[in-house]
Every structure is written in structure tokens, then in C-alpha cells.
Protein backbone atom coordinates (compact mmCIF):
# COMPACT_ATOMS: atom_id res chain seq x y z
CA MET A 1 174.37 164.72 178.52
CA ARG A 2 174.33 162.52 175.43
CA ALA A 3 171.57 160.17 174.36
CA ARG A 4 172.34 156.48 174.30
CA SER A 5 172.55 155.16 170.78
CA ALA A 6 170.50 152.28 169.44
CA GLU A 7 173.73 150.30 169.07
CA GLU A 8 174.65 150.84 172.74
CA LYS A 9 171.19 149.79 173.86
CA SER A 10 171.15 146.67 171.67
CA ARG A 11 174.46 145.53 173.22
CA CYS A 12 172.89 145.87 176.67
CA SER A 13 170.99 142.57 176.78
CA PHE A 14 168.67 141.27 179.47
CA ALA A 15 167.27 137.92 180.55
CA ILE A 16 164.09 138.17 182.60
CA GLU A 17 163.12 135.74 185.35
CA VAL A 18 159.81 136.23 187.17
CA GLU A 19 158.78 134.12 190.15
CA GLY A 20 155.09 133.93 191.06
CA ASP A 21 153.85 135.33 187.75
CA VAL A 22 150.24 134.63 186.74
CA GLN A 23 149.79 133.88 183.03
CA SER A 24 153.26 135.41 182.36
CA LEU A 25 151.67 138.87 182.45
CA VAL A 26 154.48 140.56 184.37
CA TYR A 27 157.18 138.81 182.34
CA GLN A 28 155.58 139.97 179.10
CA LYS A 29 155.18 143.55 180.37
CA LEU A 30 158.85 143.74 181.43
CA LYS A 31 159.91 142.26 178.09
CA ASP A 32 157.74 144.77 176.20
CA CYS A 33 159.15 147.67 178.25
CA LEU A 34 162.79 146.74 177.72
CA SER A 35 162.50 145.82 174.05
CA GLY A 36 160.33 148.88 173.41
CA GLY A 37 163.10 150.96 174.98
CA GLY A 38 165.58 149.56 172.44
CA TYR A 39 167.20 146.93 174.65
CA THR A 40 167.73 143.31 173.62
CA VAL A 41 165.82 140.67 175.61
CA LYS A 42 167.26 137.16 175.50
CA ASN A 43 166.05 133.87 176.91
CA LYS A 44 167.69 132.52 180.04
CA GLY A 45 170.93 130.78 179.12
CA GLU A 46 171.54 132.82 175.95
CA GLY A 47 174.32 134.90 177.46
CA ALA A 48 172.52 138.10 178.40
CA ALA A 49 174.69 140.77 180.03
CA TYR A 50 172.09 141.36 182.76
CA THR A 51 169.39 139.40 184.51
CA ALA A 52 166.22 141.06 185.71
CA ASN A 53 165.07 138.94 188.67
CA ALA A 54 161.53 139.70 189.73
CA THR A 55 159.18 138.32 192.33
CA VAL A 56 155.44 138.83 192.05
CA ILE A 57 153.74 138.79 195.43
CA LEU A 58 149.99 138.27 195.47
CA SER A 59 149.22 138.40 199.18
CA ASP A 60 145.89 136.78 199.93
CA SER A 61 143.98 137.81 203.05
CA PRO A 62 140.86 135.65 202.96
CA SER A 63 137.83 136.73 204.93
CA GLY A 64 135.14 134.13 204.93
CA GLU A 65 134.57 133.20 201.29
CA LEU A 66 136.16 136.39 199.94
CA HIS A 67 139.79 136.64 198.83
CA PHE A 68 141.53 140.01 199.22
CA ILE A 69 144.63 140.15 197.03
CA SER A 70 147.37 142.79 197.40
CA PRO A 71 149.69 142.62 194.36
CA SER A 72 153.30 143.83 194.42
CA LEU A 73 156.57 143.32 192.59
CA GLU A 74 160.19 143.38 193.71
CA LEU A 75 162.80 143.45 190.95
CA SER A 76 166.56 143.75 190.74
CA VAL A 77 168.71 143.98 187.63
CA ASN A 78 171.99 142.21 188.18
CA GLY A 79 175.21 142.39 186.21
CA ARG A 80 178.03 139.90 186.45
CA SER A 81 179.10 141.05 189.89
CA ALA A 82 176.46 143.30 191.42
CA ALA A 83 172.92 144.64 191.37
CA VAL A 84 172.75 147.72 189.15
CA PHE A 85 169.09 148.70 189.52
CA SER A 86 166.21 147.85 191.83
CA TYR A 87 162.51 148.55 191.42
CA ALA A 88 159.38 147.92 193.46
CA LYS A 89 155.76 148.45 192.51
CA SER A 90 152.35 147.69 193.92
CA ALA A 91 148.84 147.93 192.52
CA ALA A 92 145.36 148.38 193.91
CA ASN A 93 143.88 145.57 195.98
CA PHE A 94 141.26 143.28 194.48
CA HIS A 95 138.69 141.05 196.13
CA GLY A 96 136.28 138.36 195.03
CA LEU A 97 135.01 134.85 195.58
CA LYS A 98 137.23 132.93 193.17
CA GLU A 99 140.88 133.13 194.13
CA ASP A 100 142.25 132.37 190.64
CA ILE A 101 140.14 135.11 189.03
CA VAL A 102 141.10 137.67 191.68
CA LYS A 103 144.79 136.79 191.29
CA ALA A 104 144.58 137.15 187.50
CA LYS A 105 142.94 140.60 187.86
CA SER A 106 145.61 141.59 190.38
CA ALA A 107 148.43 140.45 188.07
CA ARG A 108 146.93 142.43 185.15
CA ALA A 109 146.69 145.54 187.32
CA LEU A 110 150.28 145.08 188.47
CA ALA A 111 151.48 144.66 184.88
CA ASP A 112 149.64 147.89 183.96
CA GLU A 113 151.38 149.76 186.80
CA ILE A 114 154.76 148.41 185.67
CA GLY A 115 154.04 149.63 182.16
CA LYS A 116 153.40 153.14 183.48
CA SER A 117 156.63 153.56 185.45
CA PHE A 118 159.31 150.92 184.87
CA MET A 119 161.11 152.42 181.87
CA GLN A 120 160.99 155.95 183.28
CA GLU A 121 162.57 154.83 186.55
CA PHE A 122 165.10 152.64 184.71
CA THR A 123 166.03 155.50 182.37
CA ASP A 124 166.25 157.96 185.28
CA ALA A 125 168.59 155.61 187.13
CA LEU A 126 170.87 155.30 184.09
CA GLY A 127 170.58 158.99 183.36
CA LYS A 128 172.18 160.13 186.62
CA ASP A 129 175.53 159.98 184.84
CA ALA A 130 174.41 159.59 181.25
CA ASP A 131 177.86 160.07 179.67
CA SER A 132 179.25 156.94 181.28
CA ALA A 133 176.35 155.00 182.80
CA LEU A 134 175.80 152.55 179.99
CA SER A 135 179.49 151.89 179.39
CA GLN A 136 179.97 151.31 183.13
CA LEU A 137 177.04 148.89 183.12
CA MET A 138 178.53 147.04 180.17
CA ALA A 139 181.85 146.71 182.03
CA MET A 140 180.28 145.14 185.15
């Protein structure tokens, strides 16, 4: 198994789109993870090889005046013709009186959970066939 070079990683560019993000916390965490892993992150429309499409779900189950928020994320990385990686994560539930504050706390907790596991799972998925995984991804 060979390690992917910095040059290979830099050619593997990503655009990130996050629906339902609060204060761009999840977007920024995904960007930090990918760029910290040596990958290039481009803005939408700049010709990235892959798009990471994510949806943040902050399910609210109000009970009286309290808001109970269950945060989760669903993400897929798509090449030109197919999804090449999928990822899901959830975080601890939060509750409180002010919905916007509880949602912000939930989004921060979700971003923290992403930071703990995203790159490891992404690297593990690529590493299943490390000799050809990146070149196959680039060809898609």
C-alpha cells in the first residue's frame, strides 16, 4: 500500500454544499477537514472534481416552551458520474427555551463530531484499494 502524495491530493478538488447549516459551522468544519488532509477546496462553480453535498438536519421536537433538537448530517461525495463516498453523523440532543440558541449549540456539537471522524472514515474508504483508489476517483 502506498501513501497518496501531496500532488495527488491537491489534484483531487472538492466543492462543498451544505443545506440547513447554522452559521456555516458544518461547511467550515468540512472545509477544514479536507484542506487539512491535503485536498484542495474550491468554491462552487470553480471546476472542482468532486462535490460534497451535505444536509444538516436539526429535528425540533417542542414540548411546551422547550425545544428538543436532534442534530444529524447526511453527506455524499459525488464525482462526474456517481457517488464515491457517503457519510452520516449525529450528535447529542440539546434542549432549551430559545430555538435559535439550541440550534446553534446543536450545530456546533455536530461540527465537533464531524471533526472527530470525517477524515478517518474518508481515508479508510479510499484506503480499501490504496494503490488505485485516488486515480480511479480522478477518472470518474
